[in-house]
């Protein structure tokens, strides 16, 4: 697997990146000109190629620190493409890490960049219902396929409050009094944060194993 963190921005690397970008451009133009039976699939392939070339070029020329913001912008652009070109009449569920879907991720000092959701067009934001996922205890999985224990919450934590519900697993809207207050929580079950639920989500899915 290519480790982008270790690639140095040398003149030779920049030249190779520009060559990749140029070849990708030539390839996508050839694909656009080719008659196909599935026009939607053609658009997806072309967009995927452009995304890969763009992400590689940006990561190496700008550094990892700026990649997170660029990635969120790419994700938002891809989703807008999906809503227009692939499923224009459908309701769509996006399942992603909560840092991507928060309404105001940029307000979090641990992730001071605008989220995927923040980069979406206003028309999509207006039609969206954002849900945060939290749990009282148990384990969560990471992107490598490993699991880790969820940290124990105290009385100042959102997880502690919701764990006192009589329901085992439930959904609750954030437009109630508790949702207007600032709470501590464990992002992804491990990272300690503070936030006002109603500012970030329309509701919360809570699991109480």
N, C-alpha and C. Protein backbone atom coordinates (compact mmCIF):
# COMPACT_ATOMS: atom_id res chain seq x y z
N UNK A 1 0.84 -1.20 0.00
CA UNK A 1 0.00 0.00 0.00
C UNK A 1 0.88 1.25 0.00
N UNK A 2 0.52 2.24 -0.79
CA UNK A 2 1.30 3.46 -0.91
C UNK A 2 1.18 4.31 0.35
N UNK A 3 2.32 4.67 0.94
CA UNK A 3 2.33 5.51 2.14
C UNK A 3 2.60 6.94 1.72
N UNK A 4 1.53 7.75 1.61
CA UNK A 4 1.67 9.11 1.10
C UNK A 4 2.45 10.01 2.05
N UNK A 5 2.47 9.65 3.35
CA UNK A 5 3.19 10.48 4.32
C UNK A 5 4.70 10.47 4.07
N UNK A 6 5.21 9.41 3.45
CA UNK A 6 6.64 9.25 3.27
C UNK A 6 7.13 9.73 1.90
N UNK A 7 6.22 10.13 1.03
CA UNK A 7 6.61 10.60 -0.29
C UNK A 7 7.01 12.07 -0.21
N UNK A 8 8.23 12.37 -0.61
CA UNK A 8 8.72 13.74 -0.56
C UNK A 8 8.37 14.47 -1.86
N UNK A 9 8.09 15.76 -1.72
CA UNK A 9 7.67 16.57 -2.88
C UNK A 9 8.91 17.04 -3.65
N UNK A 10 9.53 16.14 -4.37
CA UNK A 10 10.71 16.46 -5.17
C UNK A 10 10.28 16.83 -6.59
N UNK A 11 11.14 17.49 -7.36
CA UNK A 11 10.81 17.83 -8.75
C UNK A 11 10.41 16.61 -9.57
N UNK A 12 11.06 15.48 -9.31
CA UNK A 12 10.75 14.25 -10.05
C UNK A 12 9.35 13.76 -9.71
N UNK A 13 8.99 13.80 -8.41
CA UNK A 13 7.66 13.37 -7.99
C UNK A 13 6.59 14.28 -8.59
N UNK A 14 6.83 15.59 -8.59
CA UNK A 14 5.86 16.55 -9.15
C UNK A 14 5.67 16.29 -10.64
N UNK A 15 6.76 15.99 -11.31
CA UNK A 15 6.70 15.69 -12.75
C UNK A 15 5.85 14.43 -12.99
N UNK A 16 6.06 13.42 -12.16
CA UNK A 16 5.30 12.18 -12.29
C UNK A 16 3.82 12.40 -11.98
N UNK A 17 3.55 13.24 -10.98
CA UNK A 17 2.15 13.56 -10.64
C UNK A 17 1.45 14.26 -11.80
N UNK A 18 2.15 15.22 -12.40
CA UNK A 18 1.57 15.94 -13.54
C UNK A 18 1.33 15.01 -14.72
N UNK A 19 2.22 14.03 -14.86
CA UNK A 19 2.06 13.05 -15.93
C UNK A 19 0.82 12.18 -15.68
N UNK A 20 0.63 11.77 -14.42
CA UNK A 20 -0.55 10.99 -14.06
C UNK A 20 -1.82 11.80 -14.32
N UNK A 21 -1.78 13.06 -13.94
CA UNK A 21 -2.94 13.94 -14.13
C UNK A 21 -3.27 14.11 -15.61
N UNK A 22 -2.22 14.27 -16.42
CA UNK A 22 -2.41 14.44 -17.86
C UNK A 22 -2.97 13.17 -18.50
N UNK A 23 -2.42 12.02 -18.11
CA UNK A 23 -2.90 10.75 -18.66
C UNK A 23 -4.34 10.46 -18.23
N UNK A 24 -4.67 10.84 -17.00
CA UNK A 24 -6.04 10.66 -16.53
C UNK A 24 -7.00 11.50 -17.33
N UNK A 25 -6.58 12.74 -17.64
CA UNK A 25 -7.40 13.64 -18.44
C UNK A 25 -7.64 13.08 -19.83
N UNK A 26 -6.58 12.54 -20.44
CA UNK A 26 -6.71 11.95 -21.78
C UNK A 26 -7.64 10.76 -21.75
N UNK A 27 -7.48 9.91 -20.72
CA UNK A 27 -8.30 8.70 -20.59
C UNK A 27 -9.77 9.04 -20.40
N UNK A 28 -10.06 10.01 -19.55
CA UNK A 28 -11.46 10.37 -19.29
C UNK A 28 -12.12 10.99 -20.53
N UNK A 29 -11.35 11.74 -21.31
CA UNK A 29 -11.90 12.32 -22.55
C UNK A 29 -12.22 11.22 -23.55
N UNK A 30 -11.37 10.19 -23.61
CA UNK A 30 -11.62 9.06 -24.49
C UNK A 30 -12.88 8.31 -24.05
N UNK A 31 -13.04 8.16 -22.74
CA UNK A 31 -14.22 7.47 -22.21
C UNK A 31 -15.49 8.27 -22.48
N UNK A 32 -15.40 9.57 -22.36
CA UNK A 32 -16.57 10.43 -22.61
C UNK A 32 -17.01 10.35 -24.07
N UNK A 33 -16.06 10.16 -24.98
CA UNK A 33 -16.37 10.12 -26.41
C UNK A 33 -16.85 8.75 -26.87
N UNK A 34 -16.66 7.74 -26.03
CA UNK A 34 -16.99 6.37 -26.41
C UNK A 34 -18.48 6.08 -26.18
N UNK A 35 -19.17 5.56 -27.20
CA UNK A 35 -20.59 5.19 -27.03
C UNK A 35 -20.71 4.04 -26.03
N UNK A 36 -21.66 4.15 -25.11
CA UNK A 36 -21.84 3.11 -24.10
C UNK A 36 -23.33 2.81 -23.94
N UNK A 37 -23.60 1.60 -23.43
CA UNK A 37 -24.99 1.21 -23.19
C UNK A 37 -25.49 1.70 -21.84
N UNK A 38 -24.54 1.96 -20.92
CA UNK A 38 -24.90 2.42 -19.57
C UNK A 38 -24.24 3.77 -19.31
N UNK A 39 -24.98 4.83 -19.55
CA UNK A 39 -24.44 6.18 -19.41
C UNK A 39 -24.11 6.53 -17.97
N UNK A 40 -24.88 6.02 -17.02
CA UNK A 40 -24.64 6.29 -15.60
C UNK A 40 -23.33 5.67 -15.15
N UNK A 41 -23.11 4.43 -15.52
CA UNK A 41 -21.87 3.74 -15.16
C UNK A 41 -20.65 4.46 -15.74
N UNK A 42 -20.80 4.95 -16.94
CA UNK A 42 -19.71 5.71 -17.58
C UNK A 42 -19.36 6.94 -16.75
N UNK A 43 -20.36 7.66 -16.29
CA UNK A 43 -20.13 8.86 -15.49
C UNK A 43 -19.45 8.52 -14.16
N UNK A 44 -19.84 7.41 -13.55
CA UNK A 44 -19.25 6.99 -12.28
C UNK A 44 -17.78 6.64 -12.46
N UNK A 45 -17.45 5.91 -13.52
CA UNK A 45 -16.07 5.53 -13.79
C UNK A 45 -15.20 6.76 -14.02
N UNK A 46 -15.70 7.69 -14.80
CA UNK A 46 -14.95 8.91 -15.10
C UNK A 46 -14.73 9.73 -13.83
N UNK A 47 -15.75 9.86 -13.02
CA UNK A 47 -15.62 10.62 -11.78
C UNK A 47 -14.64 9.94 -10.81
N UNK A 48 -14.69 8.61 -10.76
CA UNK A 48 -13.79 7.86 -9.89
C UNK A 48 -12.33 8.07 -10.29
N UNK A 49 -12.05 8.02 -11.57
CA UNK A 49 -10.69 8.24 -12.06
C UNK A 49 -10.21 9.65 -11.71
N UNK A 50 -11.06 10.63 -11.95
CA UNK A 50 -10.69 12.02 -11.63
C UNK A 50 -10.47 12.21 -10.14
N UNK A 51 -11.32 11.56 -9.32
CA UNK A 51 -11.17 11.65 -7.87
C UNK A 51 -9.82 11.10 -7.41
N UNK A 52 -9.45 9.93 -7.94
CA UNK A 52 -8.19 9.29 -7.54
C UNK A 52 -6.99 10.17 -7.91
N UNK A 53 -7.00 10.67 -9.12
CA UNK A 53 -5.87 11.50 -9.57
C UNK A 53 -5.81 12.80 -8.77
N UNK A 54 -6.96 13.39 -8.52
CA UNK A 54 -7.02 14.65 -7.78
C UNK A 54 -6.54 14.46 -6.35
N UNK A 55 -7.00 13.38 -5.69
CA UNK A 55 -6.65 13.13 -4.28
C UNK A 55 -5.16 12.85 -4.13
N UNK A 56 -4.60 12.07 -5.04
CA UNK A 56 -3.17 11.77 -5.00
C UNK A 56 -2.35 13.03 -5.18
N UNK A 57 -2.71 13.83 -6.17
CA UNK A 57 -1.97 15.06 -6.47
C UNK A 57 -2.06 16.04 -5.30
N UNK A 58 -3.25 16.20 -4.74
CA UNK A 58 -3.44 17.15 -3.64
C UNK A 58 -2.68 16.72 -2.39
N UNK A 59 -2.73 15.44 -2.07
CA UNK A 59 -2.08 14.93 -0.86
C UNK A 59 -0.58 15.17 -0.88
N UNK A 60 0.05 14.91 -2.00
CA UNK A 60 1.50 15.04 -2.09
C UNK A 60 1.94 16.49 -2.22
N UNK A 61 1.18 17.30 -2.92
CA UNK A 61 1.59 18.69 -3.14
C UNK A 61 1.21 19.62 -1.99
N UNK A 62 0.24 19.22 -1.17
CA UNK A 62 -0.21 20.10 -0.09
C UNK A 62 0.09 19.59 1.31
N UNK A 63 0.38 18.32 1.45
CA UNK A 63 0.67 17.79 2.77
C UNK A 63 -0.57 17.24 3.45
N UNK A 64 -0.34 16.33 4.39
CA UNK A 64 -1.44 15.62 5.06
C UNK A 64 -2.34 16.56 5.86
N UNK A 65 -1.78 17.64 6.41
CA UNK A 65 -2.57 18.54 7.27
C UNK A 65 -3.76 19.17 6.55
N UNK A 66 -3.65 19.33 5.22
CA UNK A 66 -4.73 19.96 4.45
C UNK A 66 -5.63 18.93 3.76
N UNK A 67 -5.22 17.67 3.84
CA UNK A 67 -5.94 16.63 3.13
C UNK A 67 -7.35 16.42 3.69
N UNK A 68 -7.51 16.51 5.02
CA UNK A 68 -8.81 16.26 5.64
C UNK A 68 -9.89 17.17 5.07
N UNK A 69 -9.57 18.47 4.96
CA UNK A 69 -10.56 19.40 4.42
C UNK A 69 -10.87 19.10 2.96
N UNK A 70 -9.83 18.81 2.19
CA UNK A 70 -10.02 18.51 0.78
C UNK A 70 -10.87 17.24 0.60
N UNK A 71 -10.61 16.26 1.44
CA UNK A 71 -11.38 15.00 1.38
C UNK A 71 -12.86 15.26 1.63
N UNK A 72 -13.17 16.11 2.63
CA UNK A 72 -14.58 16.42 2.92
C UNK A 72 -15.24 17.10 1.73
N UNK A 73 -14.50 17.96 1.05
CA UNK A 73 -15.04 18.65 -0.13
C UNK A 73 -15.29 17.68 -1.27
N UNK A 74 -14.36 16.73 -1.45
CA UNK A 74 -14.54 15.70 -2.48
C UNK A 74 -15.77 14.84 -2.18
N UNK A 75 -15.92 14.46 -0.91
CA UNK A 75 -17.06 13.64 -0.51
C UNK A 75 -18.38 14.36 -0.78
N UNK A 76 -18.42 15.65 -0.45
CA UNK A 76 -19.63 16.43 -0.68
C UNK A 76 -19.94 16.54 -2.17
N UNK A 77 -18.90 16.76 -2.96
CA UNK A 77 -19.08 16.84 -4.41
C UNK A 77 -19.58 15.53 -4.98
N UNK A 78 -19.05 14.42 -4.47
CA UNK A 78 -19.49 13.10 -4.94
C UNK A 78 -20.94 12.84 -4.58
N UNK A 79 -21.32 13.25 -3.37
CA UNK A 79 -22.70 13.02 -2.97
C UNK A 79 -23.67 13.87 -3.80
N UNK A 80 -23.28 15.10 -4.08
CA UNK A 80 -24.12 15.95 -4.93
C UNK A 80 -24.27 15.31 -6.31
N UNK A 81 -23.18 14.76 -6.82
CA UNK A 81 -23.21 14.05 -8.10
C UNK A 81 -24.19 12.88 -8.05
N UNK A 82 -24.15 12.12 -6.96
CA UNK A 82 -25.05 10.97 -6.81
C UNK A 82 -26.51 11.40 -6.81
N UNK A 83 -26.80 12.51 -6.10
CA UNK A 83 -28.20 12.97 -6.01
C UNK A 83 -28.72 13.52 -7.33
N UNK A 84 -27.81 14.00 -8.17
CA UNK A 84 -28.23 14.58 -9.45
C UNK A 84 -28.22 13.56 -10.58
N UNK A 85 -27.17 12.75 -10.64
CA UNK A 85 -26.94 11.89 -11.79
C UNK A 85 -27.40 10.45 -11.63
N UNK A 86 -27.42 9.93 -10.40
CA UNK A 86 -27.71 8.51 -10.21
C UNK A 86 -29.07 8.27 -9.57
N UNK A 87 -29.33 8.94 -8.46
CA UNK A 87 -30.60 8.74 -7.74
C UNK A 87 -31.31 10.09 -7.51
N UNK A 88 -31.69 10.77 -8.56
CA UNK A 88 -32.29 12.11 -8.40
C UNK A 88 -33.64 12.12 -7.71
N UNK A 89 -34.34 10.99 -7.72
CA UNK A 89 -35.69 10.94 -7.15
C UNK A 89 -35.76 10.09 -5.88
N UNK A 90 -34.59 9.68 -5.37
CA UNK A 90 -34.58 8.75 -4.24
C UNK A 90 -34.16 9.41 -2.93
N UNK A 91 -34.60 8.82 -1.83
CA UNK A 91 -34.09 9.18 -0.51
C UNK A 91 -32.83 8.35 -0.27
N UNK A 92 -31.81 8.96 0.29
CA UNK A 92 -30.51 8.29 0.42
C UNK A 92 -30.04 8.30 1.88
N UNK A 93 -29.52 7.18 2.34
CA UNK A 93 -28.94 7.08 3.68
C UNK A 93 -27.42 7.11 3.56
N UNK A 94 -26.78 8.02 4.27
CA UNK A 94 -25.32 8.08 4.32
C UNK A 94 -24.88 7.55 5.68
N UNK A 95 -24.09 6.48 5.66
CA UNK A 95 -23.59 5.88 6.90
C UNK A 95 -22.11 6.21 6.97
N UNK A 96 -21.73 7.08 7.90
CA UNK A 96 -20.34 7.54 7.96
C UNK A 96 -19.95 7.88 9.39
N UNK A 97 -18.66 8.06 9.61
CA UNK A 97 -18.18 8.50 10.93
C UNK A 97 -18.85 9.84 11.25
N UNK A 98 -19.19 10.03 12.53
CA UNK A 98 -19.94 11.23 12.90
C UNK A 98 -19.17 12.53 12.65
N UNK A 99 -17.85 12.48 12.57
CA UNK A 99 -17.10 13.70 12.25
C UNK A 99 -17.41 14.18 10.82
N UNK A 100 -17.82 13.25 9.95
CA UNK A 100 -18.15 13.62 8.58
C UNK A 100 -19.56 14.21 8.47
N UNK A 101 -20.47 13.73 9.29
CA UNK A 101 -21.88 14.10 9.10
C UNK A 101 -22.38 15.18 10.06
N UNK A 102 -21.55 15.59 11.02
CA UNK A 102 -21.99 16.65 11.93
C UNK A 102 -22.34 17.92 11.17
N UNK A 103 -23.35 18.63 11.68
CA UNK A 103 -23.76 19.87 11.02
C UNK A 103 -22.69 20.96 11.14
N UNK A 104 -21.95 20.96 12.26
CA UNK A 104 -20.93 21.99 12.48
C UNK A 104 -19.65 21.35 13.04
N UNK A 105 -19.06 20.49 12.27
CA UNK A 105 -17.83 19.83 12.71
C UNK A 105 -16.71 20.84 12.91
N UNK A 106 -16.74 21.94 12.18
CA UNK A 106 -15.70 22.96 12.26
C UNK A 106 -15.68 23.65 13.63
N UNK A 107 -16.75 23.49 14.42
CA UNK A 107 -16.79 24.08 15.76
C UNK A 107 -16.01 23.25 16.77
N UNK A 108 -15.61 22.06 16.37
CA UNK A 108 -14.88 21.15 17.25
C UNK A 108 -13.38 21.43 17.14
N UNK A 109 -12.74 21.75 18.23
CA UNK A 109 -11.32 22.08 18.20
C UNK A 109 -10.44 20.89 17.80
N UNK A 110 -10.99 19.67 17.97
CA UNK A 110 -10.22 18.49 17.58
C UNK A 110 -10.31 18.24 16.08
N UNK A 111 -11.27 18.84 15.43
CA UNK A 111 -11.43 18.67 13.98
C UNK A 111 -11.90 19.99 13.40
N UNK A 112 -11.04 20.97 13.44
CA UNK A 112 -11.42 22.33 13.03
C UNK A 112 -11.42 22.49 11.51
N UNK A 113 -12.16 21.64 10.84
CA UNK A 113 -12.35 21.77 9.39
C UNK A 113 -13.82 21.49 9.12
N UNK A 114 -14.33 22.03 8.03
CA UNK A 114 -15.75 21.86 7.74
C UNK A 114 -16.01 20.43 7.26
N UNK A 115 -17.03 19.82 7.82
CA UNK A 115 -17.34 18.42 7.54
C UNK A 115 -17.91 18.23 6.14
N UNK A 116 -18.04 16.99 5.77
CA UNK A 116 -18.72 16.61 4.53
C UNK A 116 -20.09 17.29 4.45
N UNK A 117 -20.83 17.23 5.56
CA UNK A 117 -22.17 17.82 5.58
C UNK A 117 -22.11 19.34 5.38
N UNK A 118 -21.15 20.00 6.03
CA UNK A 118 -21.04 21.45 5.90
C UNK A 118 -20.72 21.89 4.48
N UNK A 119 -20.11 21.01 3.71
CA UNK A 119 -19.74 21.33 2.33
C UNK A 119 -20.83 21.03 1.32
N UNK A 120 -21.95 20.47 1.78
CA UNK A 120 -23.05 20.16 0.88
C UNK A 120 -23.81 21.42 0.48
N UNK A 121 -24.46 21.42 -0.69
CA UNK A 121 -25.32 22.55 -1.08
C UNK A 121 -26.46 22.72 -0.09
N UNK A 122 -26.94 23.93 0.06
CA UNK A 122 -28.00 24.20 1.03
C UNK A 122 -29.27 23.40 0.76
N UNK A 123 -29.55 23.13 -0.51
CA UNK A 123 -30.78 22.38 -0.85
C UNK A 123 -30.75 20.97 -0.25
N UNK A 124 -29.55 20.37 -0.21
CA UNK A 124 -29.42 19.03 0.38
C UNK A 124 -29.48 19.11 1.90
N UNK A 125 -28.84 20.12 2.47
CA UNK A 125 -28.88 20.30 3.93
C UNK A 125 -30.32 20.45 4.41
N UNK A 126 -31.10 21.23 3.67
CA UNK A 126 -32.49 21.49 4.07
C UNK A 126 -33.34 20.22 4.07
N UNK A 127 -32.98 19.25 3.23
CA UNK A 127 -33.75 18.01 3.12
C UNK A 127 -33.16 16.87 3.94
N UNK A 128 -32.14 17.16 4.75
CA UNK A 128 -31.44 16.12 5.47
C UNK A 128 -31.91 15.99 6.92
N UNK A 129 -31.81 14.77 7.43
CA UNK A 129 -32.06 14.49 8.84
C UNK A 129 -30.81 13.80 9.36
N UNK A 130 -30.08 14.47 10.24
CA UNK A 130 -28.77 13.99 10.68
C UNK A 130 -28.87 13.25 12.01
N UNK A 131 -28.33 12.03 12.03
CA UNK A 131 -28.36 11.20 13.24
C UNK A 131 -26.94 10.91 13.74
N UNK A 132 -26.74 11.07 15.04
CA UNK A 132 -25.47 10.69 15.65
C UNK A 132 -25.63 9.32 16.29
N UNK A 133 -24.56 8.53 16.29
CA UNK A 133 -24.61 7.19 16.87
C UNK A 133 -23.69 7.12 18.09
N UNK A 134 -24.26 6.77 19.24
CA UNK A 134 -23.50 6.66 20.48
C UNK A 134 -23.90 5.38 21.22
N UNK A 135 -23.03 4.94 22.12
CA UNK A 135 -23.31 3.71 22.86
C UNK A 135 -22.86 3.85 24.32
N UNK A 136 -23.49 3.08 25.19
CA UNK A 136 -23.21 3.15 26.63
C UNK A 136 -21.96 2.35 26.99
N UNK A 137 -21.83 1.17 26.43
CA UNK A 137 -20.67 0.33 26.72
C UNK A 137 -20.53 -0.72 25.62
N UNK A 138 -19.49 -1.50 25.71
CA UNK A 138 -19.25 -2.51 24.70
C UNK A 138 -17.98 -2.23 23.92
N UNK A 139 -17.98 -2.56 22.65
CA UNK A 139 -16.81 -2.36 21.80
C UNK A 139 -17.20 -1.69 20.48
N UNK A 140 -16.25 -0.98 19.89
CA UNK A 140 -16.42 -0.40 18.57
C UNK A 140 -15.29 -0.88 17.66
N UNK A 141 -15.54 -0.87 16.38
CA UNK A 141 -14.53 -1.30 15.43
C UNK A 141 -13.88 -0.11 14.75
N UNK A 142 -12.59 -0.23 14.40
CA UNK A 142 -11.90 0.83 13.69
C UNK A 142 -11.78 0.50 12.21
N UNK A 143 -11.16 1.39 11.45
CA UNK A 143 -11.08 1.23 10.00
C UNK A 143 -10.16 0.08 9.58
N UNK A 144 -9.39 -0.45 10.52
CA UNK A 144 -8.50 -1.57 10.21
C UNK A 144 -9.14 -2.92 10.50
N UNK A 145 -10.36 -2.90 11.01
CA UNK A 145 -11.05 -4.15 11.30
C UNK A 145 -10.84 -4.65 12.71
N UNK A 146 -10.14 -3.87 13.53
CA UNK A 146 -9.92 -4.24 14.93
C UNK A 146 -10.99 -3.59 15.81
N UNK A 147 -11.20 -4.13 17.00
CA UNK A 147 -12.16 -3.49 17.91
C UNK A 147 -11.45 -3.00 19.17
N UNK A 148 -12.11 -2.09 19.86
CA UNK A 148 -11.57 -1.51 21.09
C UNK A 148 -12.72 -1.20 22.03
N UNK A 149 -12.47 -1.17 23.34
CA UNK A 149 -13.56 -0.94 24.31
C UNK A 149 -14.02 0.52 24.33
N UNK A 150 -15.32 0.70 24.51
CA UNK A 150 -15.88 2.04 24.66
C UNK A 150 -15.58 2.53 26.07
N UNK A 151 -15.12 3.76 26.18
CA UNK A 151 -14.73 4.29 27.49
C UNK A 151 -15.95 4.50 28.39
N UNK A 152 -15.72 4.38 29.69
CA UNK A 152 -16.80 4.51 30.67
C UNK A 152 -17.19 5.97 30.85
N UNK A 153 -18.48 6.24 30.79
CA UNK A 153 -18.99 7.61 30.92
C UNK A 153 -19.29 7.95 32.37
N UNK A 154 -19.16 9.25 32.71
CA UNK A 154 -19.56 9.71 34.04
C UNK A 154 -20.81 10.58 33.94
N UNK A 155 -21.20 11.23 35.04
CA UNK A 155 -22.46 11.97 35.07
C UNK A 155 -22.50 13.19 34.16
N UNK A 156 -21.34 13.63 33.68
CA UNK A 156 -21.30 14.78 32.77
C UNK A 156 -21.39 14.36 31.30
N UNK A 157 -21.43 13.07 31.08
CA UNK A 157 -21.44 12.55 29.71
C UNK A 157 -22.84 12.32 29.16
N UNK A 158 -22.98 12.58 27.88
CA UNK A 158 -24.23 12.33 27.19
C UNK A 158 -24.61 10.85 27.27
N UNK A 159 -23.61 9.98 27.17
CA UNK A 159 -23.87 8.54 27.23
C UNK A 159 -24.46 8.14 28.58
N UNK A 160 -24.00 8.78 29.66
CA UNK A 160 -24.53 8.49 30.99
C UNK A 160 -26.01 8.86 31.08
N UNK A 161 -26.34 10.04 30.56
CA UNK A 161 -27.73 10.50 30.57
C UNK A 161 -28.64 9.54 29.81
N UNK A 162 -28.26 9.22 28.59
CA UNK A 162 -29.11 8.38 27.73
C UNK A 162 -29.18 6.93 28.23
N UNK A 163 -28.16 6.50 28.97
CA UNK A 163 -28.16 5.12 29.47
C UNK A 163 -29.25 4.88 30.51
N UNK A 164 -29.84 5.96 31.05
CA UNK A 164 -30.88 5.81 32.06
C UNK A 164 -32.28 5.66 31.45
N UNK A 165 -32.34 5.61 30.14
CA UNK A 165 -33.63 5.35 29.49
C UNK A 165 -34.06 3.91 29.78
N UNK A 166 -35.35 3.68 29.80
CA UNK A 166 -35.87 2.33 30.04
C UNK A 166 -35.77 1.45 28.79
N UNK A 167 -35.46 2.10 27.66
CA UNK A 167 -35.34 1.35 26.41
C UNK A 167 -33.91 0.84 26.22
N UNK A 168 -33.78 -0.31 25.60
CA UNK A 168 -32.47 -0.91 25.38
C UNK A 168 -31.71 -0.16 24.28
N UNK A 169 -32.29 -0.09 23.11
CA UNK A 169 -31.72 0.66 21.98
C UNK A 169 -32.82 1.57 21.46
N UNK A 170 -32.50 2.83 21.21
CA UNK A 170 -33.57 3.75 20.86
C UNK A 170 -33.08 4.96 20.05
N UNK A 171 -34.05 5.67 19.48
CA UNK A 171 -33.83 6.93 18.78
C UNK A 171 -34.49 8.04 19.57
N UNK A 172 -33.83 9.18 19.67
CA UNK A 172 -34.41 10.32 20.36
C UNK A 172 -34.05 11.61 19.62
N UNK A 173 -35.01 12.50 19.47
CA UNK A 173 -34.75 13.78 18.80
C UNK A 173 -34.01 14.72 19.76
N UNK A 174 -33.25 15.63 19.20
CA UNK A 174 -32.44 16.54 20.02
C UNK A 174 -33.11 17.88 20.29
N UNK A 175 -34.34 18.06 19.83
CA UNK A 175 -35.01 19.35 20.02
C UNK A 175 -35.69 19.46 21.39
N UNK A 176 -35.28 18.61 22.32
CA UNK A 176 -35.79 18.67 23.69
C UNK A 176 -34.81 19.46 24.56
N UNK A 177 -35.16 19.69 25.82
CA UNK A 177 -34.35 20.54 26.70
C UNK A 177 -32.92 20.00 26.84
N UNK A 178 -32.78 18.69 27.03
CA UNK A 178 -31.44 18.12 27.21
C UNK A 178 -30.55 18.36 25.99
N UNK A 179 -31.17 18.40 24.80
CA UNK A 179 -30.40 18.57 23.57
C UNK A 179 -29.87 19.97 23.36
N UNK A 180 -30.38 20.93 24.13
CA UNK A 180 -29.92 22.32 24.02
C UNK A 180 -28.74 22.62 24.93
N UNK A 181 -28.39 21.65 25.78
CA UNK A 181 -27.30 21.86 26.74
C UNK A 181 -26.00 21.25 26.22
N UNK A 182 -24.90 21.74 26.76
CA UNK A 182 -23.59 21.20 26.37
C UNK A 182 -23.27 19.96 27.18
N UNK A 183 -22.85 18.92 26.47
CA UNK A 183 -22.51 17.65 27.12
C UNK A 183 -21.13 17.17 26.68
N UNK A 184 -20.51 16.40 27.57
CA UNK A 184 -19.30 15.70 27.18
C UNK A 184 -19.72 14.38 26.56
N UNK A 185 -18.88 13.84 25.69
CA UNK A 185 -19.17 12.55 25.07
C UNK A 185 -17.87 11.95 24.54
N UNK A 186 -17.95 10.69 24.16
CA UNK A 186 -16.79 10.02 23.57
C UNK A 186 -17.04 9.80 22.08
N UNK A 187 -16.36 10.59 21.28
CA UNK A 187 -16.47 10.47 19.83
C UNK A 187 -15.90 9.12 19.40
N UNK A 188 -16.71 8.32 18.72
CA UNK A 188 -16.24 7.01 18.33
C UNK A 188 -15.97 6.10 19.51
N UNK A 189 -16.53 6.44 20.67
CA UNK A 189 -16.34 5.62 21.86
C UNK A 189 -15.04 5.83 22.59
N UNK A 190 -14.19 6.77 22.10
CA UNK A 190 -12.87 6.92 22.73
C UNK A 190 -12.37 8.36 22.87
N UNK A 191 -12.66 9.21 21.90
CA UNK A 191 -12.14 10.59 21.92
C UNK A 191 -13.07 11.51 22.69
N UNK A 192 -12.56 12.13 23.75
CA UNK A 192 -13.38 12.99 24.61
C UNK A 192 -13.65 14.34 23.93
N UNK A 193 -14.93 14.72 23.83
CA UNK A 193 -15.31 16.00 23.24
C UNK A 193 -16.42 16.63 24.07
N UNK A 194 -16.76 17.89 23.74
CA UNK A 194 -17.91 18.58 24.33
C UNK A 194 -18.70 19.21 23.19
N UNK A 195 -20.01 19.11 23.24
CA UNK A 195 -20.84 19.69 22.18
C UNK A 195 -22.29 19.81 22.62
N UNK A 196 -23.04 20.62 21.88
CA UNK A 196 -24.48 20.77 22.11
C UNK A 196 -25.18 19.90 21.08
N UNK A 197 -25.84 18.82 21.48
CA UNK A 197 -26.44 17.88 20.54
C UNK A 197 -27.32 18.51 19.47
N UNK A 198 -28.16 19.47 19.86
CA UNK A 198 -29.09 20.08 18.89
C UNK A 198 -28.38 20.87 17.80
N UNK A 199 -27.14 21.31 18.07
CA UNK A 199 -26.38 22.05 17.05
C UNK A 199 -25.76 21.13 16.02
N UNK A 200 -25.61 19.86 16.38
CA UNK A 200 -24.92 18.92 15.50
C UNK A 200 -25.84 17.89 14.84
N UNK A 201 -26.89 17.48 15.55
CA UNK A 201 -27.75 16.41 15.05
C UNK A 201 -29.23 16.77 15.18
N UNK A 202 -30.04 16.11 14.36
CA UNK A 202 -31.49 16.20 14.51
C UNK A 202 -31.97 15.15 15.51
N UNK A 203 -31.20 14.09 15.65
CA UNK A 203 -31.54 13.03 16.58
C UNK A 203 -30.35 12.15 16.86
N UNK A 204 -30.48 11.27 17.82
CA UNK A 204 -29.38 10.37 18.20
C UNK A 204 -29.91 8.94 18.30
N UNK A 205 -29.12 8.03 17.73
CA UNK A 205 -29.36 6.60 17.92
C UNK A 205 -28.47 6.15 19.06
N UNK A 206 -29.07 5.56 20.08
CA UNK A 206 -28.28 5.16 21.24
C UNK A 206 -28.41 3.66 21.47
N UNK A 207 -27.26 3.02 21.65
CA UNK A 207 -27.22 1.57 21.87
C UNK A 207 -26.82 1.28 23.30
N UNK A 208 -27.58 0.40 23.94
CA UNK A 208 -27.30 0.06 25.34
C UNK A 208 -27.19 -1.45 25.45
N UNK A 209 -26.03 -2.03 25.07
CA UNK A 209 -25.88 -3.50 25.02
C UNK A 209 -26.13 -4.15 26.36
